[in-house]
Amino acid sequence: MAKLSTTTRAALRENFPHLSRDVKKFPVRDGEEPWTLREAEELAAFLLEDAERLGRELAAADAELSDLLRNSGDGAGDDQADYGSSALEREQELTLVNNMRDLLEQTNHAIDRIRKGTYATCEVTGLPIGKARLQAFPRATLSVEAKAREERR
């Protein structure tokens, strides 16, 4: 566990002013230790840094996609292979942008859940998501059981 920088600690205090109080309410599954402030701070810091990174990458990918769409006819000529290659490139870039946008949305949702004190609670069942699950995937909103039910449908 790396020590959090002064800048990171300041960002945590600004974004999550009640984290030291709220972390005591984060539920855990049977057999898990209660959340510590340090664990919550590390996850919150990761999510804040990831949201910032994703925002930058999304802006760059959006700009690249706009360029691809704007210049979609340039240089393609009448060659169907060139046209198909350009179309594939645009489709791949669009998929990348959409995936990044979804990941940023999930990250922001997790940040909001920490702010509201509802982090670590399954959005479907109201039961604990599980500390281990959240440490592996901090954006999780469903318990393992609820996620398994969702995937069976």
Protein backbone atom coordinates (compact mmCIF):
# COMPACT_ATOMS: atom_id res chain seq x y z
CA MET A 1 0.00 0.00 0.00
CA ALA A 2 1.55 3.21 -1.18
CA LYS A 3 1.38 6.28 0.98
CA LEU A 4 -1.04 8.89 -0.33
CA SER A 5 0.50 12.21 -1.33
CA THR A 6 -0.49 15.50 0.27
CA THR A 7 -2.19 16.52 -2.98
CA THR A 8 -4.17 13.28 -3.09
CA ARG A 9 -5.21 13.66 0.56
CA ALA A 10 -6.39 17.22 -0.15
CA ALA A 11 -8.42 15.99 -3.14
CA LEU A 12 -9.96 13.27 -0.97
CA ARG A 13 -10.96 15.78 1.74
CA GLU A 14 -12.45 18.08 -0.91
CA ASN A 15 -14.37 15.36 -2.76
CA PHE A 16 -15.33 13.18 0.21
CA PRO A 17 -15.62 15.44 3.28
CA HIS A 18 -17.50 12.78 5.29
CA LEU A 19 -15.46 9.72 4.30
CA SER A 20 -14.07 9.11 7.79
CA ARG A 21 -17.67 8.96 9.10
CA ASP A 22 -19.23 7.16 6.12
CA VAL A 23 -16.61 4.39 5.89
CA LYS A 24 -17.89 3.05 9.22
CA LYS A 25 -21.25 2.44 7.52
CA PHE A 26 -19.87 0.61 4.47
CA PRO A 27 -21.21 -2.94 4.82
CA VAL A 28 -19.06 -6.05 4.60
CA ARG A 29 -19.90 -9.68 3.93
CA ASP A 30 -19.72 -12.31 6.64
CA GLY A 31 -16.12 -13.13 7.45
CA GLU A 32 -14.74 -9.83 6.14
CA GLU A 33 -13.05 -7.23 8.30
CA PRO A 34 -14.76 -3.81 8.47
CA TRP A 35 -13.59 -1.17 6.03
CA THR A 36 -10.74 0.97 7.25
CA LEU A 37 -10.38 4.63 6.39
CA ARG A 38 -7.11 3.86 4.58
CA GLU A 39 -8.79 1.21 2.39
CA ALA A 40 -11.62 3.59 1.51
CA GLU A 41 -9.16 6.41 0.80
CA GLU A 42 -7.11 4.20 -1.52
CA LEU A 43 -10.19 3.16 -3.51
CA ALA A 44 -11.52 6.73 -3.62
CA ALA A 45 -8.12 8.04 -4.76
CA PHE A 46 -7.92 5.37 -7.45
CA LEU A 47 -11.42 6.27 -8.71
CA LEU A 48 -10.67 10.02 -8.76
CA GLU A 49 -7.40 9.49 -10.63
CA ASP A 50 -9.06 7.07 -13.04
CA ALA A 51 -11.93 9.50 -13.73
CA GLU A 52 -9.40 12.22 -14.53
CA ARG A 53 -7.38 9.91 -16.79
CA LEU A 54 -10.49 8.61 -18.56
CA GLY A 55 -11.74 12.16 -19.09
CA ARG A 56 -8.47 13.13 -20.78
CA GLU A 57 -8.39 9.97 -22.90
CA LEU A 58 -12.04 10.38 -23.86
CA ALA A 59 -11.46 13.96 -25.00
CA ALA A 60 -8.51 12.84 -27.14
CA ALA A 61 -10.43 9.87 -28.58
CA ASP A 62 -13.45 12.08 -29.29
CA ALA A 63 -11.22 14.51 -31.18
CA GLU A 64 -9.67 11.66 -33.16
CA LEU A 65 -13.10 10.26 -33.99
CA SER A 66 -14.29 13.70 -35.12
CA ASP A 67 -11.26 13.96 -37.40
CA LEU A 68 -11.96 10.49 -38.82
CA LEU A 69 -15.60 11.37 -39.50
CA ARG A 70 -14.73 14.78 -40.95
CA ASN A 71 -12.10 13.31 -43.26
CA SER A 72 -13.90 10.05 -44.03
CA GLY A 73 -13.95 10.69 -47.77
CA ASP A 74 -10.45 12.11 -48.12
CA GLY A 75 -8.04 9.87 -49.95
CA ALA A 76 -10.37 6.89 -50.06
CA GLY A 77 -10.79 7.19 -53.80
CA ASP A 78 -12.98 4.65 -55.51
CA ASP A 79 -11.13 1.65 -54.08
CA GLN A 80 -13.58 -0.47 -52.08
CA ALA A 81 -10.76 -1.86 -49.93
CA ASP A 82 -9.75 1.68 -48.89
CA TYR A 83 -13.37 2.54 -48.16
CA GLY A 84 -13.84 -0.64 -46.11
CA SER A 85 -10.62 -0.04 -44.20
CA SER A 86 -11.71 3.52 -43.36
CA ALA A 87 -15.13 2.32 -42.26
CA LEU A 88 -13.56 -0.33 -40.03
CA GLU A 89 -11.23 2.25 -38.48
CA ARG A 90 -14.16 4.59 -37.76
CA GLU A 91 -16.18 1.74 -36.24
CA GLN A 92 -13.27 0.67 -34.02
CA GLU A 93 -12.71 4.25 -32.86
CA LEU A 94 -16.43 4.68 -32.15
CA THR A 95 -16.45 1.46 -30.10
CA LEU A 96 -13.41 2.65 -28.15
CA VAL A 97 -15.03 6.02 -27.42
CA ASN A 98 -18.29 4.40 -26.32
CA ASN A 99 -16.48 1.91 -24.05
CA MET A 100 -14.42 4.70 -22.52
CA ARG A 101 -17.56 6.80 -22.00
CA ASP A 102 -19.25 3.84 -20.23
CA LEU A 103 -16.23 3.26 -18.01
CA LEU A 104 -16.10 6.96 -17.09
CA GLU A 105 -19.81 6.86 -16.27
CA GLN A 106 -19.30 3.80 -14.02
CA THR A 107 -16.35 5.51 -12.34
CA ASN A 108 -18.33 8.69 -11.68
CA HIS A 109 -21.21 6.62 -10.33
CA ALA A 110 -18.86 4.87 -7.89
CA ILE A 111 -17.50 8.27 -6.79
CA ASP A 112 -21.06 9.51 -6.23
CA ARG A 113 -21.87 6.40 -4.19
CA ILE A 114 -18.87 7.07 -1.95
CA ARG A 115 -20.01 10.69 -1.53
CA LYS A 116 -23.53 9.56 -0.61
CA GLY A 117 -22.30 6.86 1.78
CA THR A 118 -23.97 4.07 -0.23
CA TYR A 119 -20.75 2.55 -1.56
CA ALA A 120 -20.33 -1.20 -0.93
CA THR A 121 -24.10 -1.80 -0.92
CA CYS A 122 -25.65 -3.83 -3.74
CA GLU A 123 -28.02 -1.66 -5.79
CA VAL A 124 -30.38 -4.60 -6.35
CA THR A 125 -30.44 -6.52 -3.07
CA GLY A 126 -29.25 -3.91 -0.57
CA LEU A 127 -26.76 -6.47 0.77
CA PRO A 128 -22.99 -5.95 1.02
CA ILE A 129 -21.14 -6.19 -2.30
CA GLY A 130 -18.04 -7.50 -0.59
CA LYS A 131 -14.79 -5.83 0.19
CA ALA A 132 -12.71 -8.21 -1.89
CA ARG A 133 -14.96 -7.68 -4.93
CA LEU A 134 -14.73 -3.89 -4.61
CA GLN A 135 -10.98 -3.97 -4.12
CA ALA A 136 -10.71 -6.00 -7.33
CA PHE A 137 -13.35 -3.96 -9.22
CA PRO A 138 -14.05 -0.64 -7.44
CA ARG A 139 -16.89 0.23 -9.85
CA ALA A 140 -19.01 -2.79 -8.87
CA THR A 141 -22.60 -1.96 -7.97
CA LEU A 142 -23.91 -5.51 -7.55
CA SER A 143 -23.12 -8.30 -5.13
CA VAL A 144 -21.73 -11.51 -6.61
CA GLU A 145 -25.15 -13.15 -6.25
CA ALA A 146 -27.02 -10.30 -7.94
CA LYS A 147 -24.47 -10.18 -10.77
CA ALA A 148 -24.77 -13.96 -11.28
CA ARG A 149 -28.59 -13.65 -11.46
CA GLU A 150 -28.26 -10.79 -13.95
CA GLU A 151 -25.92 -12.79 -16.19
CA ARG A 152 -28.22 -15.83 -16.18
CA ARG A 153 -31.02 -13.77 -17.75
